[in-house]
Protein backbone atom coordinates (compact mmCIF):
# COMPACT_ATOMS: atom_id res chain seq x y z
CA LEU A 1 20.36 -4.89 -3.77
CA GLY A 2 18.46 -4.46 -6.77
CA SER A 3 18.21 -3.88 -10.38
CA ARG A 4 16.41 -1.37 -12.72
CA THR A 5 15.37 -1.18 -16.47
CA TYR A 6 14.41 1.87 -18.42
CA ASP A 7 12.32 2.57 -21.53
CA SER A 8 13.39 4.28 -24.67
CA PHE A 9 12.67 7.69 -23.17
CA GLY A 10 14.92 6.87 -20.14
CA ARG A 11 11.92 6.52 -17.71
CA LEU A 12 11.98 3.72 -14.99
CA LYS A 13 10.32 0.65 -16.32
CA THR A 14 11.01 -1.94 -13.71
CA THR A 15 12.68 -2.36 -10.35
CA ASN A 16 13.57 -5.54 -8.51
CA ILE A 17 14.96 -4.84 -4.97
CA THR A 18 15.71 -7.03 -1.93
CA VAL A 19 15.17 -5.43 1.50
CA ASN A 20 17.10 -6.62 4.51
CA GLU A 21 15.87 -5.15 7.86
CA VAL A 22 18.46 -6.01 10.61
CA ASP A 23 18.89 -4.44 14.04
CA PRO A 24 22.40 -3.61 14.96
CA GLY A 25 23.37 -6.81 16.49
CA ALA A 26 21.12 -8.98 14.22
CA THR A 27 19.61 -10.63 17.33
CA ILE A 28 16.07 -9.37 17.22
CA LEU A 29 15.45 -8.29 13.72
CA ASN A 30 16.74 -10.00 10.56
CA HIS A 31 13.99 -9.92 7.99
CA THR A 32 14.33 -10.05 4.22
CA TYR A 33 11.76 -9.52 1.49
CA THR A 34 11.58 -8.67 -2.31
CA VAL A 35 9.79 -5.99 -4.15
CA GLN A 36 9.29 -6.02 -7.97
CA THR A 37 7.63 -3.07 -9.61
CA THR A 38 6.71 -2.72 -13.26
CA ILE A 39 5.47 0.54 -14.53
CA ASN A 40 3.04 -0.05 -17.28
CA ASN A 41 2.25 3.59 -18.43
CA TYR A 42 3.14 7.28 -18.14
CA ASN A 43 1.06 10.27 -19.15
CA SER A 44 2.44 13.02 -21.43
CA LEU A 45 3.98 14.78 -18.43
CA ASN A 46 5.96 11.52 -17.52
CA GLN A 47 3.88 10.77 -14.49
CA ILE A 48 3.16 7.12 -13.65
CA THR A 49 -0.45 6.29 -14.58
CA ARG A 50 -0.34 2.62 -14.00
CA GLN A 51 1.95 0.12 -12.29
CA ASN A 52 2.00 -3.20 -10.54
CA THR A 53 4.04 -4.11 -7.51
CA VAL A 54 4.74 -7.66 -6.20
CA THR A 55 6.02 -8.00 -2.69
CA THR A 56 7.36 -11.48 -1.58
CA ASP A 57 7.80 -11.99 2.09
CA ASN A 58 8.56 -15.64 2.97
CA GLY A 59 5.32 -17.54 2.08
CA LEU A 60 3.25 -14.34 1.48
CA ILE A 61 2.88 -12.66 -1.98
CA ILE A 62 1.17 -9.34 -2.11
CA THR A 63 0.30 -8.10 -5.76
CA GLN A 64 -0.87 -4.55 -6.15
CA ASN A 65 -2.25 -3.54 -9.62
CA ASP A 66 -3.61 -0.13 -10.74
CA ILE A 67 -7.00 -0.80 -12.16
CA GLY A 68 -7.49 2.85 -13.12
CA ASP A 69 -5.22 5.70 -14.25
CA ARG A 70 -3.61 7.65 -11.37
CA THR A 71 -4.59 11.36 -11.55
CA TYR A 72 -2.50 14.38 -10.83
CA ASP A 73 -3.17 18.08 -10.22
CA SER A 74 -1.48 20.90 -12.05
CA PHE A 75 1.48 20.83 -9.50
CA GLY A 76 2.14 17.20 -10.31
CA ARG A 77 0.81 15.90 -7.00
CA LEU A 78 -1.14 12.72 -6.89
CA LEU A 79 -4.97 13.31 -6.70
CA GLY A 80 -6.25 9.69 -6.79
CA SER A 81 -5.61 6.16 -7.54
CA ASN A 82 -7.54 2.88 -7.80
CA VAL A 83 -5.72 -0.44 -6.96
CA SER A 84 -6.50 -4.01 -6.68
CA VAL A 85 -4.64 -5.94 -4.04
CA ASN A 86 -4.30 -9.69 -3.98
CA GLU A 87 -2.71 -11.42 -0.93
CA VAL A 88 -1.59 -15.10 -1.31
CA GLY A 89 -0.08 -17.10 1.45
CA TRP A 90 1.73 -20.24 1.40
CA VAL A 91 3.03 -22.60 4.24
CA MET A 92 5.08 -25.79 4.34
CA PRO A 93 2.75 -28.62 5.85
CA GLU A 94 4.01 -30.41 8.93
CA VAL A 95 5.63 -33.59 7.90
CA PRO A 96 4.80 -36.73 9.91
CA PRO A 97 7.72 -38.72 11.26
CA GLY A 98 9.12 -41.29 8.76
CA PHE A 99 7.38 -39.58 5.62
CA ILE A 100 9.12 -40.19 2.63
CA GLY A 101 8.19 -38.30 -0.50
CA PRO A 102 7.70 -34.81 -1.91
CA ILE A 103 6.23 -32.09 0.15
CA ALA A 104 4.60 -29.09 -1.48
CA PRO A 105 3.58 -25.92 0.03
CA VAL A 106 -0.20 -25.41 0.76
CA LYS A 107 -1.97 -22.22 -0.02
CA VAL A 108 -3.57 -20.94 3.10
CA LEU A 109 -4.61 -17.36 2.00
CA ASP A 110 -5.90 -16.02 -1.31
CA HIS A 111 -7.67 -12.63 -0.77
CA THR A 112 -8.44 -9.86 -3.06
CA TYR A 113 -9.85 -6.37 -2.49
CA THR A 114 -9.74 -2.86 -4.14
CA VAL A 115 -8.56 0.42 -2.54
CA GLN A 116 -9.48 3.58 -4.31
CA THR A 117 -8.11 6.93 -3.02
CA THR A 118 -9.71 10.32 -4.21
CA GLY A 119 -9.94 13.95 -3.37
CA ILE A 120 -6.38 14.19 -2.03
CA THR A 121 -5.64 17.78 -0.90
CA TYR A 122 -2.31 19.43 -0.03
CA ASN A 123 -1.06 22.31 1.94
CA SER A 124 1.53 24.87 0.55
CA LEU A 125 4.29 22.56 1.64
CA ASN A 126 2.81 19.72 -0.39
CA GLN A 127 1.89 17.65 2.65
CA ILE A 128 -1.35 15.84 2.39
CA THR A 129 -4.18 17.55 4.31
CA GLY A 130 -7.07 15.31 3.38
CA GLN A 131 -8.21 12.40 1.23
CA THR A 132 -10.97 9.90 0.89
CA THR A 133 -10.17 6.08 0.82
CA VAL A 134 -12.73 3.44 -0.07
CA THR A 135 -11.86 -0.19 0.50
CA ALA A 136 -14.19 -2.90 -1.26
CA ASP A 137 -13.52 -6.23 0.42
CA GLY A 138 -16.07 -8.86 -0.70
CA GLY A 139 -19.48 -7.43 0.22
CA ILE A 140 -18.13 -4.77 2.71
CA THR A 141 -17.16 -1.31 1.86
CA THR A 142 -15.20 0.86 4.21
CA THR A 143 -14.81 4.53 3.62
CA GLN A 144 -12.13 6.54 5.40
CA LYS A 145 -12.49 10.32 5.05
CA ASP A 146 -10.64 13.19 6.59
CA ILE A 147 -13.02 15.36 8.64
CA ASN A 148 -10.47 18.24 9.25
CA ASN A 149 -7.23 19.06 7.62
CA ARG A 150 -4.18 17.14 8.89
CA THR A 151 -1.58 19.35 10.44
CA TYR A 152 2.16 19.05 10.68
CA ASP A 153 4.95 20.48 12.86
CA THR A 154 7.92 22.57 11.44
CA LEU A 155 9.80 19.28 10.86
CA GLY A 156 7.05 17.88 8.55
CA ARG A 157 5.70 15.36 11.08
CA LEU A 158 2.00 14.73 11.60
CA THR A 159 0.56 16.47 14.65
CA ARG A 160 -3.21 16.13 14.20
CA SER A 161 -5.79 14.15 12.13
CA LYS A 162 -9.32 13.37 12.28
CA PHE A 163 -11.05 10.59 10.23
CA SER A 164 -14.54 9.17 9.77
CA PHE A 165 -14.87 5.56 9.15
CA VAL A 166 -18.10 4.10 7.75
CA GLU A 167 -18.53 0.44 6.97
CA THR A 168 -21.43 -0.69 4.87
CA SER A 169 -22.76 -3.88 3.36
CA GLY A 170 -25.37 -3.81 0.65
CA GLY A 171 -25.68 0.03 1.27
CA VAL A 172 -26.54 -0.60 5.04
CA ILE A 173 -24.23 1.02 7.48
CA ILE A 174 -22.66 -1.75 9.77
CA GLU A 175 -20.47 0.52 11.87
CA GLU A 176 -19.30 4.03 11.85
CA TYR A 177 -16.78 5.81 14.15
CA ILE A 178 -14.32 8.70 14.23
CA ILE A 179 -10.72 8.55 15.09
CA GLU A 180 -9.09 11.71 16.20
CA THR A 181 -5.47 12.05 16.97
CA ASN A 182 -4.09 15.24 18.73
CA SER A 183 -0.80 16.42 20.15
CA ILE A 184 1.23 13.99 18.67
CA VAL A 185 4.78 14.11 20.44
CA TYR A 186 7.91 12.68 18.89
CA ASN A 187 11.00 11.69 20.69
CA THR A 188 14.29 13.25 19.70
């Protein structure tokens, strides 16, 4: 379910969708959430340069706002983005027996961080082969960078990747490690 609006040039301006994830018998999985997207700006090639997205999932609200223009290469592929993420969570308090009166939700989470992605590279099939992602969360910065190009099988599925992760605080390395994934096998 959802709705869309368009600007005077026929470009998508807003979407409001409801997603319902249900297993075949609706016995294990029955999960519903909403996603509202507002596109704030396009460039001269009609590529989105800024948007914000609000996902509401029960008592959790995640707001993602572009805080810098998205950049693209000459083929129209995304090269970089810079996003602020705010996560706000609410719960209903436990009500004591016999309590009479209004009950208001209590905020239990209000967390903001930024995610900047740069240097996205592609292969000839337009699959991402590498990128650098920097997450700034309070005083901690985590940099994730492809060390080798990602590889894919003939069906376009990822088969190999190798990333370095470096976590710093105040310019001092707290932790660094490498994650390498090889020979990914998919079921049929």
